[in-house]
Amino acid sequence: MAKSVNNIITKGLSGMLGHQLVFVHETKGNRDYLRSLPARNKKSKPSKAQVEHKRKFYVRGTQYWQKVVKKDPDLLRAYTAVAVSPRNAYNMVMKDVMSLPVVSRFTMKMAKPGSHPVITIRATDVIGAMSVRVIIEDCEGKCLENGEAVRIKKTDDWKYTCTLLCSPVPEVIAKAVAYDFPGNTTVVSMAFSASNPKGTPLN
């Protein structure tokens, strides 16, 4: 392996030369290296996980950027606002495509007898969640009610006021389904009851 320090000819060079040699710059010590191209096993094939990763990153990411974000000024502005140099809006879009919404808070406020409980959910992502849906089931999995939560202005919190469920609350399973703008979803389930108002995480 050849080394060069402050060589006027090779200074600043990087990348591959003639599919045979590779220029590498080492910041520490300000040295340049000239290496042979790493040998590649032609028989090796990418794993299914690697193929899926590449498809998801490049295909979904590029399509979402070109067909959705660039055509929506508000969405483009949102990604630009969270980009910290040297990152840009495109980088944040790709990050959003590869990440899931995070539900960090899921509570049910018990109301007085005969009134409807209020569920609060905190869902975060690169530019926040796009929507949050609440599904309430009994212990046997039968859906009692479901609906869209409403975002509390200028926060990552979402509120859902039950329409059929009344206090005192029997043992139920409440699910929060958080959606982000690229189409990723996260589902979090909690068991609630009048005797367990803080809830028990189920996943």
Protein backbone atom coordinates (compact mmCIF):
# COMPACT_ATOMS: atom_id res chain seq x y z
CA MET A 1 0.00 0.00 0.00
CA ALA A 2 1.48 3.34 -1.09
CA LYS A 3 1.28 6.39 1.20
CA SER A 4 1.60 10.08 0.42
CA VAL A 5 1.77 13.12 2.71
CA ASN A 6 0.95 16.60 1.31
CA ASN A 7 1.57 15.45 -2.25
CA ILE A 8 0.45 18.20 -4.65
CA ILE A 9 -0.55 15.62 -7.29
CA THR A 10 -2.66 13.32 -5.13
CA LYS A 11 -3.96 15.90 -2.64
CA GLY A 12 -7.74 15.91 -2.50
CA LEU A 13 -8.17 12.81 -4.67
CA SER A 14 -10.64 10.15 -3.59
CA GLY A 15 -12.56 7.32 -5.16
CA MET A 16 -11.77 4.61 -7.69
CA LEU A 17 -9.32 4.80 -10.60
CA GLY A 18 -9.76 2.53 -13.58
CA HIS A 19 -11.69 -0.09 -11.57
CA GLN A 20 -8.32 -1.20 -10.20
CA LEU A 21 -7.08 1.35 -7.63
CA VAL A 22 -8.73 3.29 -4.83
CA PHE A 23 -7.63 6.69 -3.46
CA VAL A 24 -8.30 7.10 0.27
CA HIS A 25 -7.75 10.32 2.22
CA GLU A 26 -7.07 10.05 5.96
CA THR A 27 -7.96 13.28 7.74
CA LYS A 28 -5.90 12.38 10.80
CA GLY A 29 -2.30 12.90 9.75
CA ASN A 30 -3.37 14.42 6.43
CA ARG A 31 -2.26 11.35 4.51
CA ASP A 32 -3.39 9.89 1.19
CA TYR A 33 -3.40 6.16 0.47
CA LEU A 34 -3.44 4.32 -2.84
CA ARG A 35 -4.92 0.85 -2.46
CA SER A 36 -5.88 -1.97 -4.75
CA LEU A 37 -9.58 -2.51 -5.31
CA PRO A 38 -10.96 -4.88 -2.65
CA ALA A 39 -11.62 -8.35 -3.97
CA ARG A 40 -15.29 -9.17 -4.43
CA ASN A 41 -16.74 -12.63 -4.22
CA LYS A 42 -18.73 -12.93 -7.43
CA LYS A 43 -20.60 -15.92 -6.05
CA SER A 44 -21.91 -14.04 -3.04
CA LYS A 45 -25.46 -12.76 -3.21
CA PRO A 46 -27.11 -10.10 -1.07
CA SER A 47 -29.42 -11.42 1.62
CA LYS A 48 -33.17 -10.91 1.43
CA ALA A 49 -32.87 -8.35 4.21
CA GLN A 50 -30.24 -6.41 2.23
CA VAL A 51 -32.36 -6.49 -0.92
CA GLU A 52 -35.41 -5.28 0.97
CA HIS A 53 -33.39 -2.55 2.67
CA LYS A 54 -32.11 -1.28 -0.67
CA ARG A 55 -35.56 -1.45 -2.26
CA LYS A 56 -37.19 0.34 0.63
CA PHE A 57 -34.54 3.02 0.86
CA TYR A 58 -34.08 3.86 -2.81
CA VAL A 59 -37.42 2.98 -4.40
CA ARG A 60 -39.83 4.13 -1.69
CA GLY A 61 -37.63 7.03 -0.65
CA THR A 62 -37.11 8.35 -4.16
CA GLN A 63 -40.75 7.96 -5.12
CA TYR A 64 -41.93 9.68 -1.96
CA TRP A 65 -39.47 12.55 -2.53
CA GLN A 66 -40.26 13.02 -6.22
CA LYS A 67 -43.98 12.35 -6.30
CA VAL A 68 -45.12 13.65 -2.92
CA VAL A 69 -42.72 15.94 -1.07
CA LYS A 70 -41.50 18.04 -4.01
CA LYS A 71 -45.11 18.64 -5.07
CA ASP A 72 -46.28 19.65 -1.60
CA PRO A 73 -44.81 23.01 -0.44
CA ASP A 74 -45.96 22.49 3.16
CA LEU A 75 -44.39 19.04 3.38
CA LEU A 76 -41.15 20.24 1.79
CA ARG A 77 -41.07 23.16 4.23
CA ALA A 78 -41.56 20.77 7.18
CA TYR A 79 -38.62 18.56 6.17
CA THR A 80 -36.45 21.61 5.48
CA ALA A 81 -37.23 22.98 8.94
CA VAL A 82 -35.88 19.88 10.73
CA ALA A 83 -32.75 19.54 8.58
CA VAL A 84 -29.60 20.63 10.40
CA SER A 85 -26.53 21.36 8.23
CA PRO A 86 -24.94 19.50 6.50
CA ARG A 87 -28.19 17.56 6.13
CA ASN A 88 -30.94 18.81 3.85
CA ALA A 89 -34.62 18.13 3.26
CA TYR A 90 -33.86 15.12 1.05
CA ASN A 91 -31.78 13.51 3.83
CA MET A 92 -34.63 13.99 6.30
CA VAL A 93 -37.10 12.46 3.85
CA MET A 94 -34.92 9.36 3.57
CA LYS A 95 -34.64 9.18 7.35
CA ASP A 96 -38.42 9.39 7.66
CA VAL A 97 -38.90 6.60 5.12
CA MET A 98 -36.57 4.34 7.12
CA SER A 99 -38.00 5.08 10.58
CA LEU A 100 -41.25 4.25 12.33
CA PRO A 101 -43.44 6.59 14.39
CA VAL A 102 -42.72 6.38 18.14
CA VAL A 103 -45.57 6.25 20.64
CA SER A 104 -44.08 7.38 23.95
CA ARG A 105 -47.26 8.18 25.89
CA PHE A 106 -50.63 6.41 26.00
CA THR A 107 -53.06 7.32 28.78
CA MET A 108 -56.78 7.12 29.47
CA LYS A 109 -58.36 9.73 31.72
CA MET A 110 -61.28 8.22 33.54
CA ALA A 111 -64.34 10.47 33.65
CA LYS A 112 -67.10 10.59 36.23
CA PRO A 113 -69.69 7.77 36.03
CA GLY A 114 -71.70 7.94 32.84
CA SER A 115 -69.18 10.19 31.06
CA HIS A 116 -66.79 9.28 28.28
CA PRO A 117 -63.07 8.70 29.01
CA VAL A 118 -60.40 10.68 27.11
CA ILE A 119 -57.35 8.98 25.61
CA THR A 120 -54.13 10.94 25.06
CA ILE A 121 -51.34 9.65 22.83
CA ARG A 122 -47.91 11.14 22.15
CA ALA A 123 -46.62 10.14 18.72
CA THR A 124 -43.35 11.48 17.33
CA ASP A 125 -41.37 11.07 14.12
CA VAL A 126 -39.04 13.07 11.88
CA ILE A 127 -41.73 15.68 11.19
CA GLY A 128 -44.33 14.23 13.53
CA ALA A 129 -47.10 11.72 12.97
CA MET A 130 -49.56 12.29 10.13
CA SER A 131 -52.51 10.73 11.97
CA VAL A 132 -53.38 8.51 14.92
CA ARG A 133 -56.26 6.07 15.03
CA VAL A 134 -57.68 4.57 18.22
CA ILE A 135 -59.28 1.11 18.38
CA ILE A 136 -60.96 -0.15 21.55
CA GLU A 137 -61.69 -3.86 21.96
CA ASP A 138 -63.03 -6.07 24.69
CA CYS A 139 -60.92 -8.88 26.15
CA GLU A 140 -62.10 -11.26 23.44
CA GLY A 141 -60.96 -8.97 20.62
CA LYS A 142 -64.39 -7.63 19.65
CA CYS A 143 -64.21 -4.02 18.47
CA LEU A 144 -66.24 -1.74 20.73
CA GLU A 145 -65.41 1.49 18.90
CA ASN A 146 -62.72 3.15 16.81
CA GLY A 147 -61.97 6.57 15.41
CA GLU A 148 -59.40 9.21 14.56
CA ALA A 149 -57.62 11.08 17.33
CA VAL A 150 -57.33 14.86 17.05
CA ARG A 151 -53.93 16.51 17.25
CA ILE A 152 -53.51 19.00 20.05
CA LYS A 153 -52.29 22.17 18.33
CA LYS A 154 -48.50 22.70 18.09
CA THR A 155 -47.70 19.52 20.04
CA ASP A 156 -47.01 15.83 19.34
CA ASP A 157 -50.01 14.87 21.50
CA TRP A 158 -53.26 13.48 20.11
CA LYS A 159 -56.62 13.28 21.91
CA TYR A 160 -59.46 10.85 21.42
CA THR A 161 -62.73 11.18 23.34
CA CYS A 162 -64.58 7.88 23.54
CA THR A 163 -68.05 7.98 22.01
CA LEU A 164 -69.51 4.66 23.22
CA LEU A 165 -67.31 3.64 26.15
CA CYS A 166 -68.44 5.13 29.45
CA SER A 167 -67.11 5.20 33.00
CA PRO A 168 -66.75 3.07 35.00
CA VAL A 169 -64.61 1.43 32.30
CA PRO A 170 -64.66 -2.38 32.11
CA GLU A 171 -61.44 -4.16 31.18
CA VAL A 172 -60.66 -3.14 27.61
CA ILE A 173 -57.73 -3.18 25.19
CA ALA A 174 -56.99 0.16 23.55
CA LYS A 175 -54.79 0.29 20.47
CA ALA A 176 -53.08 3.39 19.11
CA VAL A 177 -52.15 3.17 15.44
CA ALA A 178 -49.74 5.97 14.51
CA TYR A 179 -49.13 6.74 10.83
CA ASP A 180 -46.28 8.86 9.47
CA PHE A 181 -46.20 10.73 6.17
CA PRO A 182 -44.24 8.13 4.14
CA GLY A 183 -46.78 5.46 5.16
CA ASN A 184 -45.05 3.67 8.06
CA THR A 185 -47.20 2.58 11.00
CA THR A 186 -46.67 1.72 14.66
CA VAL A 187 -49.26 -0.07 16.78
CA VAL A 188 -49.18 0.12 20.59
CA SER A 189 -51.68 -1.74 22.78
CA MET A 190 -52.66 -0.99 26.39
CA ALA A 191 -55.05 -2.70 28.79
CA PHE A 192 -57.24 -0.28 30.76
CA SER A 193 -60.00 -0.64 33.33
CA ALA A 194 -61.56 1.34 36.17
CA SER A 195 -59.27 -0.50 38.56
CA ASN A 196 -56.25 0.00 36.29
CA PRO A 197 -56.50 3.61 35.05
CA LYS A 198 -52.74 3.90 34.30
CA GLY A 199 -52.94 0.96 31.96
CA THR A 200 -50.70 -2.04 31.27
CA PRO A 201 -48.56 -2.20 28.09
CA LEU A 202 -49.28 -5.27 25.96
CA ASN A 203 -46.46 -4.90 23.42
